[in-house]
N, C-alpha and C. Protein backbone atom coordinates (compact mmCIF):
# COMPACT_ATOMS: atom_id res chain seq x y z
N MET A 1 0.83 -1.17 0.00
CA MET A 1 0.00 0.00 0.00
C MET A 1 0.88 1.24 0.00
N ASN A 2 0.39 2.26 -0.61
CA ASN A 2 1.11 3.51 -0.73
C ASN A 2 1.23 4.17 0.66
N PRO A 3 2.47 4.52 1.10
CA PRO A 3 2.64 5.13 2.43
C PRO A 3 1.93 6.49 2.54
N GLN A 4 1.86 7.21 1.44
CA GLN A 4 1.19 8.51 1.46
C GLN A 4 -0.32 8.32 1.65
N LYS A 5 -0.86 7.30 0.98
CA LYS A 5 -2.29 7.02 1.11
C LYS A 5 -2.62 6.57 2.52
N SER A 6 -1.80 5.71 3.11
CA SER A 6 -2.07 5.25 4.48
C SER A 6 -1.93 6.40 5.48
N ALA A 7 -1.03 7.35 5.24
CA ALA A 7 -0.89 8.51 6.13
C ALA A 7 -2.13 9.39 6.04
N ILE A 8 -2.65 9.57 4.83
CA ILE A 8 -3.86 10.37 4.65
C ILE A 8 -5.04 9.67 5.32
N GLU A 9 -5.16 8.36 5.16
CA GLU A 9 -6.23 7.61 5.80
C GLU A 9 -6.14 7.72 7.32
N SER A 10 -4.94 7.65 7.84
CA SER A 10 -4.73 7.77 9.28
C SER A 10 -5.13 9.16 9.78
N GLU A 11 -4.77 10.19 9.02
CA GLU A 11 -5.13 11.55 9.41
C GLU A 11 -6.63 11.78 9.31
N VAL A 12 -7.26 11.22 8.29
CA VAL A 12 -8.70 11.35 8.15
C VAL A 12 -9.40 10.64 9.30
N ARG A 13 -8.93 9.45 9.65
CA ARG A 13 -9.51 8.70 10.77
C ARG A 13 -9.35 9.47 12.07
N GLU A 14 -8.17 10.05 12.28
CA GLU A 14 -7.91 10.85 13.49
C GLU A 14 -8.81 12.10 13.51
N TYR A 15 -8.97 12.74 12.34
CA TYR A 15 -9.83 13.91 12.24
C TYR A 15 -11.27 13.54 12.56
N MET A 16 -11.75 12.43 12.03
CA MET A 16 -13.12 11.99 12.29
C MET A 16 -13.31 11.67 13.77
N ASP A 17 -12.32 11.04 14.40
CA ASP A 17 -12.42 10.76 15.83
C ASP A 17 -12.48 12.06 16.64
N LEU A 18 -11.68 13.04 16.26
CA LEU A 18 -11.69 14.32 16.96
C LEU A 18 -13.03 15.03 16.76
N ARG A 19 -13.59 14.98 15.56
CA ARG A 19 -14.89 15.60 15.31
C ARG A 19 -15.99 14.91 16.12
N LEU A 20 -15.90 13.58 16.21
CA LEU A 20 -16.87 12.84 17.01
C LEU A 20 -16.77 13.21 18.49
N ASP A 21 -15.54 13.31 19.00
CA ASP A 21 -15.34 13.74 20.39
C ASP A 21 -15.87 15.15 20.61
N ASP A 22 -15.64 16.04 19.64
CA ASP A 22 -16.15 17.42 19.74
C ASP A 22 -17.68 17.42 19.77
N LEU A 23 -18.30 16.61 18.94
CA LEU A 23 -19.75 16.50 18.90
C LEU A 23 -20.29 15.98 20.23
N LYS A 24 -19.62 14.96 20.80
CA LYS A 24 -20.04 14.42 22.08
C LYS A 24 -19.94 15.48 23.18
N LEU A 25 -18.83 16.22 23.19
CA LEU A 25 -18.65 17.26 24.21
C LEU A 25 -19.70 18.36 24.08
N LYS A 26 -20.01 18.76 22.85
CA LYS A 26 -21.04 19.79 22.66
C LYS A 26 -22.41 19.27 23.09
N ALA A 27 -22.70 18.00 22.82
CA ALA A 27 -23.98 17.43 23.23
C ALA A 27 -24.09 17.38 24.74
N VAL A 28 -23.02 16.94 25.41
CA VAL A 28 -23.03 16.88 26.87
C VAL A 28 -23.15 18.28 27.46
N ASP A 29 -22.44 19.24 26.88
CA ASP A 29 -22.52 20.62 27.36
C ASP A 29 -23.93 21.17 27.19
N GLY A 30 -24.51 20.97 26.04
CA GLY A 30 -25.86 21.46 25.78
C GLY A 30 -26.89 20.79 26.68
N LEU A 31 -26.76 19.49 26.87
CA LEU A 31 -27.70 18.79 27.73
C LEU A 31 -27.56 19.20 29.19
N SER A 32 -26.31 19.38 29.64
CA SER A 32 -26.12 19.77 31.04
C SER A 32 -26.66 21.18 31.29
N VAL A 33 -26.45 22.09 30.36
CA VAL A 33 -27.00 23.44 30.51
C VAL A 33 -28.51 23.39 30.46
N GLY A 34 -29.06 22.62 29.54
CA GLY A 34 -30.51 22.51 29.42
C GLY A 34 -31.14 21.90 30.66
N VAL A 35 -30.56 20.82 31.16
CA VAL A 35 -31.10 20.17 32.35
C VAL A 35 -31.00 21.09 33.56
N SER A 36 -29.87 21.80 33.70
CA SER A 36 -29.74 22.70 34.85
C SER A 36 -30.75 23.84 34.76
N ARG A 37 -31.00 24.35 33.58
CA ARG A 37 -31.99 25.42 33.45
C ARG A 37 -33.40 24.91 33.73
N VAL A 38 -33.71 23.71 33.26
CA VAL A 38 -35.04 23.15 33.50
C VAL A 38 -35.23 22.87 34.99
N LEU A 39 -34.20 22.31 35.65
CA LEU A 39 -34.30 22.03 37.07
C LEU A 39 -34.42 23.32 37.89
N SER A 40 -33.66 24.34 37.53
CA SER A 40 -33.77 25.60 38.26
C SER A 40 -35.13 26.24 38.02
N LEU A 41 -35.66 26.13 36.82
CA LEU A 41 -37.00 26.64 36.53
C LEU A 41 -38.05 25.89 37.34
N MET A 42 -37.89 24.56 37.45
CA MET A 42 -38.82 23.78 38.25
C MET A 42 -38.76 24.19 39.72
N LEU A 43 -37.57 24.44 40.24
CA LEU A 43 -37.42 24.87 41.63
C LEU A 43 -38.11 26.21 41.86
N VAL A 44 -37.89 27.15 40.95
CA VAL A 44 -38.52 28.46 41.07
C VAL A 44 -40.04 28.32 40.99
N LEU A 45 -40.54 27.49 40.08
CA LEU A 45 -41.98 27.29 39.95
C LEU A 45 -42.58 26.64 41.20
N MET A 46 -41.87 25.66 41.77
CA MET A 46 -42.39 25.02 42.98
C MET A 46 -42.41 26.00 44.15
N LEU A 47 -41.36 26.77 44.32
CA LEU A 47 -41.35 27.76 45.40
C LEU A 47 -42.42 28.82 45.17
N GLY A 48 -42.59 29.24 43.93
CA GLY A 48 -43.65 30.19 43.59
C GLY A 48 -45.02 29.62 43.89
N ALA A 49 -45.22 28.34 43.61
CA ALA A 49 -46.51 27.71 43.89
C ALA A 49 -46.78 27.66 45.40
N ILE A 50 -45.74 27.40 46.18
CA ILE A 50 -45.90 27.38 47.64
C ILE A 50 -46.28 28.77 48.14
N VAL A 51 -45.58 29.78 47.64
CA VAL A 51 -45.89 31.16 48.05
C VAL A 51 -47.31 31.54 47.62
N LEU A 52 -47.67 31.20 46.40
CA LEU A 52 -49.01 31.51 45.89
C LEU A 52 -50.08 30.80 46.71
N ALA A 53 -49.86 29.53 47.05
CA ALA A 53 -50.83 28.80 47.87
C ALA A 53 -50.96 29.42 49.26
N SER A 54 -49.85 29.86 49.82
CA SER A 54 -49.89 30.51 51.13
C SER A 54 -50.69 31.81 51.08
N PHE A 55 -50.43 32.62 50.07
CA PHE A 55 -51.18 33.86 49.91
C PHE A 55 -52.66 33.58 49.65
N ALA A 56 -52.96 32.56 48.87
CA ALA A 56 -54.36 32.22 48.58
C ALA A 56 -55.06 31.78 49.87
N PHE A 57 -54.40 30.96 50.66
CA PHE A 57 -54.98 30.51 51.92
C PHE A 57 -55.23 31.69 52.86
N GLY A 58 -54.24 32.56 52.96
CA GLY A 58 -54.40 33.75 53.80
C GLY A 58 -55.52 34.64 53.31
N THR A 59 -55.63 34.79 52.00
CA THR A 59 -56.70 35.62 51.43
C THR A 59 -58.07 35.00 51.69
N VAL A 60 -58.16 33.68 51.61
CA VAL A 60 -59.43 33.00 51.91
C VAL A 60 -59.82 33.27 53.37
N LEU A 61 -58.85 33.18 54.28
CA LEU A 61 -59.15 33.43 55.69
C LEU A 61 -59.60 34.87 55.92
N LEU A 62 -58.88 35.83 55.33
CA LEU A 62 -59.26 37.24 55.50
C LEU A 62 -60.62 37.54 54.87
N LEU A 63 -60.79 37.08 53.64
CA LEU A 63 -62.05 37.34 52.94
C LEU A 63 -63.21 36.62 53.64
N GLY A 64 -62.95 35.44 54.16
CA GLY A 64 -63.97 34.69 54.88
C GLY A 64 -64.43 35.42 56.12
N ASP A 65 -63.48 36.04 56.83
CA ASP A 65 -63.87 36.84 58.00
C ASP A 65 -64.67 38.07 57.59
N LEU A 66 -64.30 38.67 56.46
CA LEU A 66 -65.00 39.88 56.01
C LEU A 66 -66.43 39.60 55.55
N ILE A 67 -66.63 38.52 54.80
CA ILE A 67 -67.97 38.25 54.26
C ILE A 67 -68.75 37.27 55.12
N GLY A 68 -68.10 36.67 56.10
CA GLY A 68 -68.81 35.78 57.01
C GLY A 68 -68.89 34.33 56.59
N SER A 69 -68.28 33.96 55.47
CA SER A 69 -68.33 32.57 55.02
C SER A 69 -66.99 32.20 54.37
N TRP A 70 -66.32 31.24 55.01
CA TRP A 70 -65.04 30.81 54.44
C TRP A 70 -65.25 30.03 53.13
N ALA A 71 -66.35 29.31 53.05
CA ALA A 71 -66.63 28.55 51.82
C ALA A 71 -66.83 29.50 50.65
N ALA A 72 -67.58 30.56 50.86
CA ALA A 72 -67.79 31.54 49.78
C ALA A 72 -66.46 32.20 49.40
N ALA A 73 -65.64 32.49 50.42
CA ALA A 73 -64.34 33.09 50.14
C ALA A 73 -63.47 32.14 49.32
N ALA A 74 -63.52 30.84 49.66
CA ALA A 74 -62.74 29.85 48.90
C ALA A 74 -63.22 29.79 47.45
N PHE A 75 -64.55 29.87 47.24
CA PHE A 75 -65.07 29.86 45.86
C PHE A 75 -64.67 31.12 45.10
N ILE A 76 -64.65 32.25 45.78
CA ILE A 76 -64.23 33.50 45.13
C ILE A 76 -62.77 33.42 44.71
N ILE A 77 -61.91 32.96 45.61
CA ILE A 77 -60.48 32.83 45.29
C ILE A 77 -60.29 31.76 44.21
N GLY A 78 -61.04 30.66 44.28
CA GLY A 78 -60.98 29.63 43.23
C GLY A 78 -61.39 30.17 41.88
N GLY A 79 -62.42 31.01 41.86
CA GLY A 79 -62.85 31.64 40.61
C GLY A 79 -61.79 32.56 40.05
N PHE A 80 -61.12 33.30 40.94
CA PHE A 80 -60.03 34.15 40.49
C PHE A 80 -58.93 33.33 39.82
N PHE A 81 -58.55 32.21 40.46
CA PHE A 81 -57.51 31.36 39.87
C PHE A 81 -57.99 30.69 38.59
N LEU A 82 -59.28 30.41 38.49
CA LEU A 82 -59.82 29.86 37.24
C LEU A 82 -59.70 30.86 36.10
N ILE A 83 -59.98 32.13 36.38
CA ILE A 83 -59.81 33.18 35.36
C ILE A 83 -58.35 33.30 34.95
N VAL A 84 -57.43 33.25 35.93
CA VAL A 84 -55.99 33.31 35.62
C VAL A 84 -55.60 32.11 34.76
N LEU A 85 -56.12 30.91 35.08
CA LEU A 85 -55.82 29.71 34.30
C LEU A 85 -56.28 29.86 32.86
N VAL A 86 -57.48 30.37 32.66
CA VAL A 86 -58.01 30.57 31.29
C VAL A 86 -57.12 31.55 30.53
N LEU A 87 -56.70 32.62 31.19
CA LEU A 87 -55.80 33.59 30.52
C LEU A 87 -54.46 32.96 30.16
N VAL A 88 -53.93 32.14 31.04
CA VAL A 88 -52.65 31.47 30.75
C VAL A 88 -52.82 30.51 29.58
N LEU A 89 -53.92 29.78 29.55
CA LEU A 89 -54.16 28.86 28.43
C LEU A 89 -54.31 29.59 27.10
N LEU A 90 -54.85 30.79 27.14
CA LEU A 90 -55.01 31.56 25.90
C LEU A 90 -53.68 32.03 25.33
N VAL A 91 -52.70 32.27 26.20
CA VAL A 91 -51.39 32.74 25.73
C VAL A 91 -50.31 31.68 25.96
N TRP A 92 -50.72 30.41 26.02
CA TRP A 92 -49.81 29.30 26.31
C TRP A 92 -48.63 29.23 25.34
N LYS A 93 -48.90 29.31 24.05
CA LYS A 93 -47.84 29.17 23.06
C LYS A 93 -46.81 30.29 23.20
N LYS A 94 -47.29 31.50 23.33
CA LYS A 94 -46.39 32.63 23.43
C LYS A 94 -45.59 32.58 24.74
N LEU A 95 -46.23 32.14 25.81
CA LEU A 95 -45.56 32.11 27.11
C LEU A 95 -44.52 31.01 27.22
N PHE A 96 -44.89 29.79 26.80
CA PHE A 96 -44.04 28.65 27.08
C PHE A 96 -43.34 28.06 25.86
N VAL A 97 -44.08 27.75 24.83
CA VAL A 97 -43.48 27.05 23.68
C VAL A 97 -42.42 27.92 23.02
N ASP A 98 -42.74 29.17 22.71
CA ASP A 98 -41.77 30.04 22.04
C ASP A 98 -40.54 30.27 22.91
N ILE A 99 -40.74 30.42 24.22
CA ILE A 99 -39.62 30.65 25.12
C ILE A 99 -38.70 29.43 25.15
N PHE A 100 -39.27 28.22 25.24
CA PHE A 100 -38.43 27.03 25.30
C PHE A 100 -37.74 26.75 23.97
N VAL A 101 -38.39 27.05 22.87
CA VAL A 101 -37.72 26.87 21.56
C VAL A 101 -36.50 27.79 21.48
N LYS A 102 -36.67 29.05 21.87
CA LYS A 102 -35.54 29.99 21.85
C LYS A 102 -34.46 29.56 22.82
N LEU A 103 -34.85 29.05 23.99
CA LEU A 103 -33.88 28.60 24.98
C LEU A 103 -33.03 27.47 24.44
N PHE A 104 -33.66 26.46 23.84
CA PHE A 104 -32.90 25.32 23.33
C PHE A 104 -32.08 25.68 22.09
N ILE A 105 -32.56 26.58 21.28
CA ILE A 105 -31.75 27.04 20.15
C ILE A 105 -30.50 27.73 20.66
N ASP A 106 -30.66 28.60 21.67
CA ASP A 106 -29.51 29.29 22.25
C ASP A 106 -28.52 28.30 22.88
N ILE A 107 -29.04 27.26 23.55
CA ILE A 107 -28.17 26.29 24.20
C ILE A 107 -27.37 25.50 23.16
N PHE A 108 -28.03 24.99 22.15
CA PHE A 108 -27.36 24.09 21.21
C PHE A 108 -26.57 24.80 20.13
N TYR A 109 -26.77 26.11 19.99
CA TYR A 109 -25.98 26.83 19.01
C TYR A 109 -25.07 27.86 19.67
N ASP A 110 -24.72 27.62 20.95
CA ASP A 110 -23.74 28.40 21.70
C ASP A 110 -24.02 29.89 21.71
N LYS A 111 -25.27 30.28 21.87
CA LYS A 111 -25.61 31.69 21.98
C LYS A 111 -25.96 31.96 23.43
N GLU A 112 -25.02 32.39 24.21
CA GLU A 112 -25.23 32.64 25.65
C GLU A 112 -25.62 34.06 25.87
């Protein structure tokens, strides 16, 4: 076999191995950044939900004392959250889908 040809084959093989390693490193980097962002977002959402539930409970107690019925106060606060839920569902794509698409594009194409 031609020594020049075998040297070129060896360099091509080495280049392909290096490109594969680079691809693996970029994938691991992108996944680790993505997972850390998703986990931190989940933590913030869970803490926000706890705070929101606490405020809702407190509001039910205060409103219940004011109107004389805790059950009616609970229904009023429940209705408020139902209206908020409907509004969130109406803007779901703009709020969540578009944001996550941009987030993952930024992660995988190194736009920090």
